[in-house]
Amino acid sequence: MAIYSSSARYSLNESGQEAFRSPVGKSNYRMYTVVAGDTLESISARLFGTTERYWEIADLNPQIKFPLDISPGTVLRIPT
């Protein structure tokens, strides 16, 4: 289970305690332009086949302060 925070990303380790998860490597990415109706989860589902990788997109895009706060025309880095 992942917990989203604007300052750090955490996950629960095997014993159920919070553990810091390192950000995704920032050199391997492609660009994606947000269209109307997109959310990080919907972009993740479309590009990766699962909504669970939205946090990787958030990690590569520090300009996103809140995951639901993306506007059409915003250019995002998407992990490859």
N, C-alpha and C. Protein backbone atom coordinates (compact mmCIF):
# COMPACT_ATOMS: atom_id res chain seq x y z
N MET A 1 0.86 -1.18 0.00
CA MET A 1 0.00 0.00 0.00
C MET A 1 0.89 1.23 0.00
N ALA A 2 0.67 2.12 -0.93
CA ALA A 2 1.48 3.33 -1.02
C ALA A 2 0.71 4.51 -0.45
N ILE A 3 1.43 5.40 0.17
CA ILE A 3 0.85 6.62 0.72
C ILE A 3 1.50 7.78 -0.01
N TYR A 4 0.69 8.67 -0.60
CA TYR A 4 1.23 9.78 -1.36
C TYR A 4 1.42 10.99 -0.46
N SER A 5 2.55 11.60 -0.57
CA SER A 5 2.84 12.84 0.13
C SER A 5 3.56 13.75 -0.84
N SER A 6 3.27 15.04 -0.83
CA SER A 6 3.92 15.94 -1.77
C SER A 6 5.41 16.07 -1.51
N SER A 7 5.87 15.78 -0.31
CA SER A 7 7.29 15.94 0.01
C SER A 7 8.07 14.63 -0.09
N ALA A 8 7.43 13.49 0.06
CA ALA A 8 8.13 12.20 -0.01
C ALA A 8 7.12 11.11 -0.32
N ARG A 9 7.61 10.01 -0.83
CA ARG A 9 6.75 8.87 -1.12
C ARG A 9 7.10 7.78 -0.12
N TYR A 10 6.09 7.16 0.46
CA TYR A 10 6.29 6.12 1.45
C TYR A 10 5.50 4.89 1.05
N SER A 11 5.93 3.76 1.49
CA SER A 11 5.18 2.52 1.31
C SER A 11 5.29 1.73 2.61
N LEU A 12 4.45 0.73 2.74
CA LEU A 12 4.51 -0.11 3.92
C LEU A 12 5.43 -1.28 3.61
N ASN A 13 6.39 -1.54 4.49
CA ASN A 13 7.28 -2.67 4.27
C ASN A 13 6.59 -3.96 4.73
N GLU A 14 7.32 -5.07 4.66
CA GLU A 14 6.73 -6.37 4.98
C GLU A 14 6.19 -6.46 6.39
N SER A 15 6.75 -5.72 7.32
CA SER A 15 6.27 -5.76 8.70
C SER A 15 5.18 -4.73 8.97
N GLY A 16 4.75 -4.03 7.93
CA GLY A 16 3.67 -3.06 8.08
C GLY A 16 4.10 -1.69 8.52
N GLN A 17 5.41 -1.44 8.55
CA GLN A 17 5.92 -0.13 8.94
C GLN A 17 6.20 0.70 7.70
N GLU A 18 6.08 2.03 7.84
CA GLU A 18 6.36 2.91 6.71
C GLU A 18 7.84 2.88 6.37
N ALA A 19 8.13 2.88 5.09
CA ALA A 19 9.52 2.91 4.62
C ALA A 19 9.60 3.87 3.45
N PHE A 20 10.65 4.68 3.41
CA PHE A 20 10.81 5.61 2.30
C PHE A 20 11.12 4.85 1.03
N ARG A 21 10.45 5.22 -0.05
CA ARG A 21 10.69 4.61 -1.35
C ARG A 21 11.45 5.62 -2.20
N SER A 22 12.58 5.23 -2.74
CA SER A 22 13.40 6.13 -3.55
C SER A 22 12.66 6.54 -4.81
N PRO A 23 12.86 7.78 -5.27
CA PRO A 23 12.25 8.23 -6.51
C PRO A 23 12.75 7.42 -7.69
N VAL A 24 11.93 7.38 -8.71
CA VAL A 24 12.28 6.72 -9.96
C VAL A 24 13.47 7.45 -10.58
N GLY A 25 14.35 6.72 -11.25
CA GLY A 25 15.46 7.36 -11.95
C GLY A 25 14.94 8.42 -12.91
N LYS A 26 15.57 9.56 -12.93
CA LYS A 26 15.03 10.68 -13.69
C LYS A 26 15.56 10.78 -15.12
N SER A 27 16.40 9.85 -15.55
CA SER A 27 16.97 9.98 -16.89
C SER A 27 16.22 9.18 -17.94
N ASN A 28 15.42 8.21 -17.56
CA ASN A 28 14.72 7.37 -18.52
C ASN A 28 13.24 7.72 -18.56
N TYR A 29 12.90 8.65 -19.43
CA TYR A 29 11.51 9.06 -19.53
C TYR A 29 11.18 9.53 -20.95
N ARG A 30 9.88 9.58 -21.23
CA ARG A 30 9.37 10.16 -22.47
C ARG A 30 8.41 11.26 -22.07
N MET A 31 8.01 12.06 -23.02
CA MET A 31 7.11 13.17 -22.73
C MET A 31 5.68 12.81 -23.11
N TYR A 32 4.72 13.35 -22.35
CA TYR A 32 3.30 13.14 -22.61
C TYR A 32 2.57 14.45 -22.35
N THR A 33 1.68 14.83 -23.25
CA THR A 33 0.89 16.05 -23.08
C THR A 33 -0.50 15.68 -22.59
N VAL A 34 -0.88 16.23 -21.45
CA VAL A 34 -2.17 15.96 -20.82
C VAL A 34 -3.31 16.47 -21.70
N VAL A 35 -4.36 15.66 -21.82
CA VAL A 35 -5.57 16.06 -22.54
C VAL A 35 -6.72 16.15 -21.54
N ALA A 36 -7.82 16.78 -21.93
CA ALA A 36 -8.98 16.94 -21.05
C ALA A 36 -9.43 15.58 -20.52
N GLY A 37 -9.68 15.51 -19.23
CA GLY A 37 -10.16 14.30 -18.58
C GLY A 37 -9.06 13.41 -18.03
N ASP A 38 -7.80 13.71 -18.36
CA ASP A 38 -6.69 12.90 -17.84
C ASP A 38 -6.50 13.08 -16.35
N THR A 39 -6.12 12.01 -15.68
CA THR A 39 -5.63 12.04 -14.30
C THR A 39 -4.33 11.23 -14.32
N LEU A 40 -3.55 11.33 -13.29
CA LEU A 40 -2.33 10.51 -13.25
C LEU A 40 -2.68 9.03 -13.29
N GLU A 41 -3.75 8.65 -12.63
CA GLU A 41 -4.16 7.25 -12.65
C GLU A 41 -4.62 6.81 -14.03
N SER A 42 -5.37 7.65 -14.74
CA SER A 42 -5.83 7.25 -16.07
C SER A 42 -4.67 7.18 -17.07
N ILE A 43 -3.72 8.08 -16.92
CA ILE A 43 -2.52 8.04 -17.78
C ILE A 43 -1.74 6.76 -17.49
N SER A 44 -1.57 6.44 -16.21
CA SER A 44 -0.88 5.22 -15.81
C SER A 44 -1.59 3.99 -16.38
N ALA A 45 -2.90 3.95 -16.27
CA ALA A 45 -3.67 2.81 -16.79
C ALA A 45 -3.50 2.67 -18.30
N ARG A 46 -3.56 3.78 -19.01
CA ARG A 46 -3.44 3.76 -20.47
C ARG A 46 -2.05 3.33 -20.91
N LEU A 47 -1.02 3.85 -20.27
CA LEU A 47 0.34 3.60 -20.73
C LEU A 47 0.99 2.35 -20.14
N PHE A 48 0.57 1.96 -18.92
CA PHE A 48 1.21 0.83 -18.25
C PHE A 48 0.27 -0.34 -17.99
N GLY A 49 -1.03 -0.14 -18.23
CA GLY A 49 -1.98 -1.22 -17.99
C GLY A 49 -2.41 -1.36 -16.54
N THR A 50 -2.00 -0.41 -15.69
CA THR A 50 -2.39 -0.42 -14.28
C THR A 50 -2.40 1.02 -13.76
N THR A 51 -3.31 1.29 -12.84
CA THR A 51 -3.36 2.62 -12.23
C THR A 51 -2.31 2.78 -11.14
N GLU A 52 -1.73 1.68 -10.68
CA GLU A 52 -0.83 1.69 -9.53
C GLU A 52 0.51 2.36 -9.77
N ARG A 53 0.84 2.70 -11.02
CA ARG A 53 2.14 3.33 -11.28
C ARG A 53 2.04 4.85 -11.38
N TYR A 54 0.89 5.42 -10.96
CA TYR A 54 0.73 6.87 -11.02
C TYR A 54 1.81 7.59 -10.22
N TRP A 55 2.25 7.00 -9.11
CA TRP A 55 3.26 7.64 -8.25
C TRP A 55 4.59 7.83 -8.98
N GLU A 56 4.91 6.93 -9.93
CA GLU A 56 6.14 7.09 -10.71
C GLU A 56 6.06 8.35 -11.58
N ILE A 57 4.87 8.59 -12.13
CA ILE A 57 4.66 9.80 -12.92
C ILE A 57 4.79 11.02 -12.01
N ALA A 58 4.18 10.97 -10.84
CA ALA A 58 4.26 12.08 -9.88
C ALA A 58 5.71 12.35 -9.48
N ASP A 59 6.49 11.29 -9.25
CA ASP A 59 7.90 11.45 -8.85
C ASP A 59 8.73 12.16 -9.92
N LEU A 60 8.42 11.91 -11.18
CA LEU A 60 9.18 12.52 -12.26
C LEU A 60 8.74 13.95 -12.57
N ASN A 61 7.65 14.39 -11.95
CA ASN A 61 7.08 15.70 -12.26
C ASN A 61 6.85 16.50 -10.99
N PRO A 62 7.92 17.10 -10.45
CA PRO A 62 7.79 17.83 -9.19
C PRO A 62 6.87 19.05 -9.27
N GLN A 63 6.54 19.50 -10.47
CA GLN A 63 5.62 20.63 -10.61
C GLN A 63 4.19 20.24 -10.21
N ILE A 64 3.92 18.95 -10.09
CA ILE A 64 2.59 18.50 -9.67
C ILE A 64 2.56 18.50 -8.15
N LYS A 65 1.81 19.42 -7.60
CA LYS A 65 1.71 19.53 -6.14
C LYS A 65 0.62 18.61 -5.58
N PHE A 66 -0.39 18.31 -6.38
CA PHE A 66 -1.50 17.47 -5.99
C PHE A 66 -1.85 16.61 -7.20
N PRO A 67 -1.90 15.29 -7.08
CA PRO A 67 -2.07 14.40 -8.24
C PRO A 67 -3.30 14.68 -9.10
N LEU A 68 -4.35 15.25 -8.52
CA LEU A 68 -5.54 15.53 -9.31
C LEU A 68 -5.47 16.89 -10.00
N ASP A 69 -4.41 17.63 -9.74
CA ASP A 69 -4.28 19.00 -10.24
C ASP A 69 -3.40 19.05 -11.49
N ILE A 70 -3.88 18.42 -12.57
CA ILE A 70 -3.18 18.53 -13.84
C ILE A 70 -4.16 19.09 -14.87
N SER A 71 -3.65 19.93 -15.74
CA SER A 71 -4.49 20.63 -16.71
C SER A 71 -4.14 20.21 -18.13
N PRO A 72 -5.13 20.23 -19.03
CA PRO A 72 -4.83 19.94 -20.43
C PRO A 72 -3.71 20.85 -20.94
N GLY A 73 -2.80 20.27 -21.69
CA GLY A 73 -1.67 21.02 -22.22
C GLY A 73 -0.41 20.89 -21.37
N THR A 74 -0.55 20.42 -20.13
CA THR A 74 0.61 20.19 -19.28
C THR A 74 1.46 19.07 -19.88
N VAL A 75 2.76 19.29 -19.96
CA VAL A 75 3.65 18.26 -20.48
C VAL A 75 4.30 17.54 -19.30
N LEU A 76 4.14 16.22 -19.29
CA LEU A 76 4.63 15.39 -18.20
C LEU A 76 5.76 14.49 -18.67
N ARG A 77 6.67 14.18 -17.77
CA ARG A 77 7.66 13.13 -18.01
C ARG A 77 7.01 11.81 -17.60
N ILE A 78 7.14 10.81 -18.45
CA ILE A 78 6.58 9.48 -18.19
C ILE A 78 7.74 8.48 -18.17
N PRO A 79 7.86 7.68 -17.10
CA PRO A 79 8.96 6.71 -17.04
C PRO A 79 8.85 5.68 -18.17
N THR A 80 10.02 5.27 -18.66
CA THR A 80 10.02 4.25 -19.73
C THR A 80 10.27 2.89 -19.17
